[in-house]
């Protein structure tokens, strides 16, 4: 019994098969994040530069993000940049942590909003997220537990990496920075994220 693959567009095209029964095709492969970018469902959030002038061993809260969407939101990548550091670092050097679900603190109560930028230029798609940034040093978050991300940071420089964190509706996270002597300095941090496309298998 033979199988015929029909052209669903009605143009009458046939599939090319060689003498070894190999079907010829050309396709484009993209990951879920790339697909979300093309469909206007991906975003960036960035604190831009924040001045840290005091508190060598203090956890300076930098960024707060909460998901208000009815579906999960995925944070695909995390980035940090530092510049203008003039202090002498000690111990492990500058350190960053990300905590899930902080319950309070001056970073949240002072509420300096961060613009959420769609990664597709010209898209009208918006995102139901709450995002705040610190306006200076010594901002706090409370009610934190074990950090989900924990990494050192160069005294000056940029770090970028894939993280793939998922936030359900109502879930949140906060980024904090411990300079360990690098201050005074300027620091920014942010995430690339997207809303996954929903689908039902079998449709």
C-alpha atoms as a PDB file:
ATOM      1  CA  UNK A   1       0.000   0.000   0.000  1.00  0.00           C
ATOM      2  CA  UNK A   2       1.420   3.364  -1.016  1.00  0.00           C
ATOM      3  CA  UNK A   3       0.954   6.702   0.725  1.00  0.00           C
ATOM      4  CA  UNK A   4       0.500   9.913  -1.236  1.00  0.00           C
ATOM      5  CA  UNK A   5       1.279  13.239   0.376  1.00  0.00           C
ATOM      6  CA  UNK A   6      -1.048  15.822  -1.153  1.00  0.00           C
ATOM      7  CA  UNK A   7      -0.429  19.523  -1.483  1.00  0.00           C
ATOM      8  CA  UNK A   8      -2.912  21.084   0.902  1.00  0.00           C
ATOM      9  CA  UNK A   9      -2.817  24.441  -0.908  1.00  0.00           C
ATOM     10  CA  UNK A  10      -4.394  22.940  -4.027  1.00  0.00           C
ATOM     11  CA  UNK A  11      -1.456  23.857  -6.272  1.00  0.00           C
ATOM     12  CA  UNK A  12      -0.759  20.245  -7.245  1.00  0.00           C
ATOM     13  CA  UNK A  13       2.824  20.107  -5.984  1.00  0.00           C
ATOM     14  CA  UNK A  14       4.443  16.725  -5.310  1.00  0.00           C
ATOM     15  CA  UNK A  15       7.069  15.644  -2.791  1.00  0.00           C
ATOM     16  CA  UNK A  16      10.489  14.719  -4.195  1.00  0.00           C
ATOM     17  CA  UNK A  17      11.691  11.226  -3.174  1.00  0.00           C
ATOM     18  CA  UNK A  18      15.049   9.781  -4.277  1.00  0.00           C
ATOM     19  CA  UNK A  19      16.054   6.193  -5.100  1.00  0.00           C
ATOM     20  CA  UNK A  20      16.769   5.488  -1.410  1.00  0.00           C
ATOM     21  CA  UNK A  21      13.224   6.561  -0.431  1.00  0.00           C
ATOM     22  CA  UNK A  22      14.442   9.775   1.170  1.00  0.00           C
ATOM     23  CA  UNK A  23      12.007  12.669   1.056  1.00  0.00           C
ATOM     24  CA  UNK A  24      13.501  16.065   0.288  1.00  0.00           C
ATOM     25  CA  UNK A  25      12.481  19.073   2.337  1.00  0.00           C
ATOM     26  CA  UNK A  26      13.726  22.442   3.522  1.00  0.00           C
ATOM     27  CA  UNK A  27      12.634  23.899   6.829  1.00  0.00           C
ATOM     28  CA  UNK A  28      13.353  26.665   9.315  1.00  0.00           C
ATOM     29  CA  UNK A  29      14.046  25.720  12.928  1.00  0.00           C
ATOM     30  CA  UNK A  30      13.519  28.196  15.738  1.00  0.00           C
ATOM     31  CA  UNK A  31      13.295  27.856  19.500  1.00  0.00           C
ATOM     32  CA  UNK A  32      10.299  28.972  21.525  1.00  0.00           C
ATOM     33  CA  UNK A  33      11.846  32.326  22.427  1.00  0.00           C
ATOM     34  CA  UNK A  34      12.655  33.154  18.796  1.00  0.00           C
ATOM     35  CA  UNK A  35       9.100  32.195  17.824  1.00  0.00           C
ATOM     36  CA  UNK A  36       7.724  34.470  20.550  1.00  0.00           C
ATOM     37  CA  UNK A  37       9.870  37.374  19.291  1.00  0.00           C
ATOM     38  CA  UNK A  38       8.471  37.009  15.764  1.00  0.00           C
ATOM     39  CA  UNK A  39       4.914  36.966  17.128  1.00  0.00           C
ATOM     40  CA  UNK A  40       5.253  39.955  19.450  1.00  0.00           C
ATOM     41  CA  UNK A  41       5.094  37.904  22.662  1.00  0.00           C
ATOM     42  CA  UNK A  42       8.665  38.571  23.895  1.00  0.00           C
ATOM     43  CA  UNK A  43       9.918  41.478  25.980  1.00  0.00           C
ATOM     44  CA  UNK A  44      12.886  43.137  27.678  1.00  0.00           C
ATOM     45  CA  UNK A  45      13.028  44.834  31.055  1.00  0.00           C
ATOM     46  CA  UNK A  46      16.109  46.833  32.070  1.00  0.00           C
ATOM     47  CA  UNK A  47      16.740  48.973  35.140  1.00  0.00           C
ATOM     48  CA  UNK A  48      19.333  51.062  33.265  1.00  0.00           C
ATOM     49  CA  UNK A  49      22.155  52.379  35.446  1.00  0.00           C
ATOM     50  CA  UNK A  50      21.646  52.600  39.215  1.00  0.00           C
ATOM     51  CA  UNK A  51      24.272  54.287  41.412  1.00  0.00           C
ATOM     52  CA  UNK A  52      25.568  52.196  44.325  1.00  0.00           C
ATOM     53  CA  UNK A  53      27.677  54.420  46.569  1.00  0.00           C
ATOM     54  CA  UNK A  54      27.620  52.775  50.016  1.00  0.00           C
ATOM     55  CA  UNK A  55      27.117  49.465  51.781  1.00  0.00           C
ATOM     56  CA  UNK A  56      29.870  47.043  50.783  1.00  0.00           C
ATOM     57  CA  UNK A  57      28.211  43.990  52.335  1.00  0.00           C
ATOM     58  CA  UNK A  58      24.601  45.161  52.017  1.00  0.00           C
ATOM     59  CA  UNK A  59      22.079  43.444  49.739  1.00  0.00           C
ATOM     60  CA  UNK A  60      21.012  46.289  47.453  1.00  0.00           C
ATOM     61  CA  UNK A  61      17.683  45.378  45.827  1.00  0.00           C
ATOM     62  CA  UNK A  62      17.759  46.392  42.153  1.00  0.00           C
ATOM     63  CA  UNK A  63      14.781  44.909  40.286  1.00  0.00           C
ATOM     64  CA  UNK A  64      11.359  43.472  41.130  1.00  0.00           C
ATOM     65  CA  UNK A  65       9.158  41.645  38.607  1.00  0.00           C
ATOM     66  CA  UNK A  66       5.702  40.126  39.162  1.00  0.00           C
ATOM     67  CA  UNK A  67       3.606  38.164  36.654  1.00  0.00           C
ATOM     68  CA  UNK A  68      -0.033  39.288  36.405  1.00  0.00           C
ATOM     69  CA  UNK A  69      -0.735  37.386  33.188  1.00  0.00           C
ATOM     70  CA  UNK A  70      -3.285  34.549  33.224  1.00  0.00           C
ATOM     71  CA  UNK A  71      -0.603  32.243  31.849  1.00  0.00           C
ATOM     72  CA  UNK A  72       3.003  31.504  32.821  1.00  0.00           C
ATOM     73  CA  UNK A  73       5.736  33.946  31.873  1.00  0.00           C
ATOM     74  CA  UNK A  74       9.210  32.620  31.059  1.00  0.00           C
ATOM     75  CA  UNK A  75      12.372  34.632  31.712  1.00  0.00           C
ATOM     76  CA  UNK A  76      14.786  33.295  29.122  1.00  0.00           C
ATOM     77  CA  UNK A  77      17.935  35.305  29.842  1.00  0.00           C
ATOM     78  CA  UNK A  78      19.421  37.500  32.571  1.00  0.00           C
ATOM     79  CA  UNK A  79      21.908  40.319  32.006  1.00  0.00           C
ATOM     80  CA  UNK A  80      23.972  42.549  34.290  1.00  0.00           C
ATOM     81  CA  UNK A  81      26.414  45.354  33.545  1.00  0.00           C
ATOM     82  CA  UNK A  82      28.696  47.395  35.805  1.00  0.00           C
ATOM     83  CA  UNK A  83      30.817  50.472  35.121  1.00  0.00           C
ATOM     84  CA  UNK A  84      32.756  53.189  36.929  1.00  0.00           C
ATOM     85  CA  UNK A  85      33.732  50.987  39.889  1.00  0.00           C
ATOM     86  CA  UNK A  86      36.528  52.565  41.908  1.00  0.00           C
ATOM     87  CA  UNK A  87      36.611  50.528  45.106  1.00  0.00           C
ATOM     88  CA  UNK A  88      38.824  47.588  46.034  1.00  0.00           C
ATOM     89  CA  UNK A  89      36.890  44.327  46.072  1.00  0.00           C
ATOM     90  CA  UNK A  90      37.326  41.663  48.729  1.00  0.00           C
ATOM     91  CA  UNK A  91      36.211  38.108  49.413  1.00  0.00           C
ATOM     92  CA  UNK A  92      34.442  36.546  46.425  1.00  0.00           C
ATOM     93  CA  UNK A  93      33.949  40.010  44.947  1.00  0.00           C
ATOM     94  CA  UNK A  94      30.635  41.452  43.725  1.00  0.00           C
ATOM     95  CA  UNK A  95      27.723  39.040  44.073  1.00  0.00           C
ATOM     96  CA  UNK A  96      24.186  38.899  42.658  1.00  0.00           C
ATOM     97  CA  UNK A  97      21.215  36.873  43.869  1.00  0.00           C
ATOM     98  CA  UNK A  98      17.692  36.346  42.557  1.00  0.00           C
ATOM     99  CA  UNK A  99      14.922  35.506  45.028  1.00  0.00           C
ATOM    100  CA  UNK A 100      11.424  34.223  44.324  1.00  0.00           C
ATOM    101  CA  UNK A 101       8.348  35.879  45.842  1.00  0.00           C
ATOM    102  CA  UNK A 102       9.606  38.640  48.146  1.00  0.00           C
ATOM    103  CA  UNK A 103       6.807  39.924  50.364  1.00  0.00           C
ATOM    104  CA  UNK A 104       7.844  43.542  50.904  1.00  0.00           C
ATOM    105  CA  UNK A 105      10.670  46.035  51.214  1.00  0.00           C
ATOM    106  CA  UNK A 106      11.476  49.554  50.076  1.00  0.00           C
ATOM    107  CA  UNK A 107      12.101  48.466  46.467  1.00  0.00           C
ATOM    108  CA  UNK A 108       8.394  47.560  46.257  1.00  0.00           C
ATOM    109  CA  UNK A 109       6.940  50.269  48.479  1.00  0.00           C
ATOM    110  CA  UNK A 110       8.857  53.067  46.707  1.00  0.00           C
ATOM    111  CA  UNK A 111       7.641  51.665  43.351  1.00  0.00           C
ATOM    112  CA  UNK A 112       9.726  53.229  40.581  1.00  0.00           C
ATOM    113  CA  UNK A 113       8.247  51.582  37.444  1.00  0.00           C
ATOM    114  CA  UNK A 114      10.316  50.000  34.662  1.00  0.00           C
ATOM    115  CA  UNK A 115       9.096  50.206  31.067  1.00  0.00           C
ATOM    116  CA  UNK A 116       8.387  46.819  29.476  1.00  0.00           C
ATOM    117  CA  UNK A 117       9.647  46.850  25.879  1.00  0.00           C
ATOM    118  CA  UNK A 118       8.281  44.468  23.239  1.00  0.00           C
ATOM    119  CA  UNK A 119      11.134  42.806  21.319  1.00  0.00           C
ATOM    120  CA  UNK A 120       9.155  43.066  18.063  1.00  0.00           C
ATOM    121  CA  UNK A 121       9.409  46.623  16.780  1.00  0.00           C
ATOM    122  CA  UNK A 122       5.988  48.045  15.969  1.00  0.00           C
ATOM    123  CA  UNK A 123       4.010  45.385  17.854  1.00  0.00           C
ATOM    124  CA  UNK A 124       0.948  46.555  19.784  1.00  0.00           C
ATOM    125  CA  UNK A 125       1.164  43.568  22.174  1.00  0.00           C
ATOM    126  CA  UNK A 126       1.475  44.533  25.844  1.00  0.00           C
ATOM    127  CA  UNK A 127       2.401  42.502  28.915  1.00  0.00           C
ATOM    128  CA  UNK A 128       0.623  42.403  32.266  1.00  0.00           C
ATOM    129  CA  UNK A 129       3.674  42.577  34.508  1.00  0.00           C
ATOM    130  CA  UNK A 130       4.580  44.692  37.517  1.00  0.00           C
ATOM    131  CA  UNK A 131       8.225  45.784  37.264  1.00  0.00           C
ATOM    132  CA  UNK A 132      10.035  48.157  39.643  1.00  0.00           C
ATOM    133  CA  UNK A 133      13.644  49.339  39.845  1.00  0.00           C
ATOM    134  CA  UNK A 134      15.728  50.898  42.592  1.00  0.00           C
ATOM    135  CA  UNK A 135      16.299  54.634  42.425  1.00  0.00           C
ATOM    136  CA  UNK A 136      19.536  54.371  44.420  1.00  0.00           C
ATOM    137  CA  UNK A 137      21.432  52.224  46.937  1.00  0.00           C
ATOM    138  CA  UNK A 138      20.127  50.473  50.055  1.00  0.00           C
ATOM    139  CA  UNK A 139      16.718  49.473  48.680  1.00  0.00           C
ATOM    140  CA  UNK A 140      15.444  46.298  50.331  1.00  0.00           C
ATOM    141  CA  UNK A 141      13.260  43.255  49.722  1.00  0.00           C
ATOM    142  CA  UNK A 142      11.901  41.170  52.582  1.00  0.00           C
ATOM    143  CA  UNK A 143      10.444  37.711  53.004  1.00  0.00           C
ATOM    144  CA  UNK A 144      13.063  36.060  50.806  1.00  0.00           C
ATOM    145  CA  UNK A 145      14.318  32.495  51.149  1.00  0.00           C
ATOM    146  CA  UNK A 146      17.013  30.568  49.286  1.00  0.00           C
ATOM    147  CA  UNK A 147      18.074  32.335  46.068  1.00  0.00           C
ATOM    148  CA  UNK A 148      17.177  30.666  42.786  1.00  0.00           C
ATOM    149  CA  UNK A 149      20.174  32.334  41.083  1.00  0.00           C
ATOM    150  CA  UNK A 150      23.501  33.069  42.774  1.00  0.00           C
ATOM    151  CA  UNK A 151      26.549  34.310  40.883  1.00  0.00           C
ATOM    152  CA  UNK A 152      29.612  36.523  41.093  1.00  0.00           C
ATOM    153  CA  UNK A 153      29.956  39.590  38.883  1.00  0.00           C
ATOM    154  CA  UNK A 154      33.102  41.295  37.547  1.00  0.00           C
ATOM    155  CA  UNK A 155      33.981  44.579  39.221  1.00  0.00           C
ATOM    156  CA  UNK A 156      33.314  46.137  35.816  1.00  0.00           C
ATOM    157  CA  UNK A 157      31.866  44.427  32.773  1.00  0.00           C
ATOM    158  CA  UNK A 158      28.813  42.716  31.363  1.00  0.00           C
ATOM    159  CA  UNK A 159      27.396  39.255  32.045  1.00  0.00           C
ATOM    160  CA  UNK A 160      24.656  37.626  29.967  1.00  0.00           C
ATOM    161  CA  UNK A 161      23.285  34.091  30.201  1.00  0.00           C
ATOM    162  CA  UNK A 162      20.277  31.847  29.662  1.00  0.00           C
ATOM    163  CA  UNK A 163      18.312  31.145  32.836  1.00  0.00           C
ATOM    164  CA  UNK A 164      14.803  29.930  31.804  1.00  0.00           C
ATOM    165  CA  UNK A 165      12.840  30.814  34.924  1.00  0.00           C
ATOM    166  CA  UNK A 166       9.060  30.379  34.844  1.00  0.00           C
ATOM    167  CA  UNK A 167       6.632  32.528  36.838  1.00  0.00           C
ATOM    168  CA  UNK A 168       3.021  31.474  37.315  1.00  0.00           C
ATOM    169  CA  UNK A 169       0.339  34.127  37.700  1.00  0.00           C
ATOM    170  CA  UNK A 170       0.987  36.035  40.928  1.00  0.00           C
ATOM    171  CA  UNK A 171       4.583  34.824  41.271  1.00  0.00           C
ATOM    172  CA  UNK A 172       7.422  37.329  41.480  1.00  0.00           C
ATOM    173  CA  UNK A 173      11.174  37.683  41.877  1.00  0.00           C
ATOM    174  CA  UNK A 174      13.746  40.249  42.929  1.00  0.00           C
ATOM    175  CA  UNK A 175      17.403  40.834  42.008  1.00  0.00           C
ATOM    176  CA  UNK A 176      19.826  42.002  44.699  1.00  0.00           C
ATOM    177  CA  UNK A 177      23.488  43.042  44.499  1.00  0.00           C
ATOM    178  CA  UNK A 178      26.273  42.897  47.092  1.00  0.00           C
ATOM    179  CA  UNK A 179      29.237  45.022  45.913  1.00  0.00           C
ATOM    180  CA  UNK A 180      31.855  43.655  48.355  1.00  0.00           C
ATOM    181  CA  UNK A 181      34.053  46.718  47.931  1.00  0.00           C
ATOM    182  CA  UNK A 182      33.378  47.568  44.281  1.00  0.00           C
ATOM    183  CA  UNK A 183      31.380  50.669  45.208  1.00  0.00           C
ATOM    184  CA  UNK A 184      30.931  53.386  44.211  1.00  0.00           C
ATOM    185  CA  UNK A 185      29.787  52.128  40.816  1.00  0.00           C
ATOM    186  CA  UNK A 186      26.947  52.097  38.300  1.00  0.00           C
ATOM    187  CA  UNK A 187      25.002  48.872  37.712  1.00  0.00           C
ATOM    188  CA  UNK A 188      22.098  47.781  35.539  1.00  0.00           C
ATOM    189  CA  UNK A 189      20.257  44.485  35.306  1.00  0.00           C
ATOM    190  CA  UNK A 190      17.290  43.013  33.483  1.00  0.00           C
ATOM    191  CA  UNK A 191      15.691  40.038  31.755  1.00  0.00           C
ATOM    192  CA  UNK A 192      14.609  38.845  28.339  1.00  0.00           C
ATOM    193  CA  UNK A 193      11.284  37.056  28.663  1.00  0.00           C
ATOM    194  CA  UNK A 194       8.223  35.843  26.784  1.00  0.00           C
ATOM    195  CA  UNK A 195       4.690  34.548  27.122  1.00  0.00           C
ATOM    196  CA  UNK A 196       4.622  30.975  25.727  1.00  0.00           C
ATOM    197  CA  UNK A 197       2.113  30.187  23.002  1.00  0.00           C
ATOM    198  CA  UNK A 198      -0.750  28.072  24.341  1.00  0.00           C
ATOM    199  CA  UNK A 199      -1.913  25.087  22.311  1.00  0.00           C
ATOM    200  CA  UNK A 200      -3.810  21.857  22.726  1.00  0.00           C
ATOM    201  CA  UNK A 201      -2.333  18.618  21.421  1.00  0.00           C
ATOM    202  CA  UNK A 202      -4.599  17.067  18.796  1.00  0.00           C
ATOM    203  CA  UNK A 203      -6.150  20.288  17.531  1.00  0.00           C
END
